[in-house]
Amino acid sequence: MQLVVHAAQVLTVRARLPRAVRRGGGEVLAFAVEDAVAGDPEASRVCWFGADDEGDALAVLDKAALARWLDALAGAGFAGAEVHSEALLLPYRPQHWSIGWTGTEGVVRTSRLDAFATDGGDAQDRKSKRLNS
């Protein structure tokens, strides 16, 4: 079972971490991103998902929101879901960007470990989308 999290709900943070900290996960990693996250580090679920020349890539999610989804899936008989960021599902080729656009929002993947959500477009884009739906 896989849970795909909306790109806007995942913050990618870069840091330089000792190898032992990478494996520690959870609470230790939450404090590694404390300066990048405005709020209580213990409210975030932080996962290490890779390293490259720019450092370690960490995914930051709201711990309570993620728990609600995982609990709902477990209640429906789907325990142990893998969690993936929608943004990292876009194809990636070195030195290229990938973009996914729905007409009202988008996702951009810029490297093997980096991706982000775009804003929702302007009012004219949203009005046009509603009229053509």
Foldseek 3Di string as FASTA:
>chain_A
DAAEDEQAQKDKDFDADDPVLLVVAFPSVLVRCVVVDPDDSNQWHKHFDDADPRHTIIIIGGPVVVVVVQVVCVVVVRHDHHYHYPQLVFDDDPPDKDKDDPQQWIKIADHNRDIHIDHGDDPVSVVVVVVVD
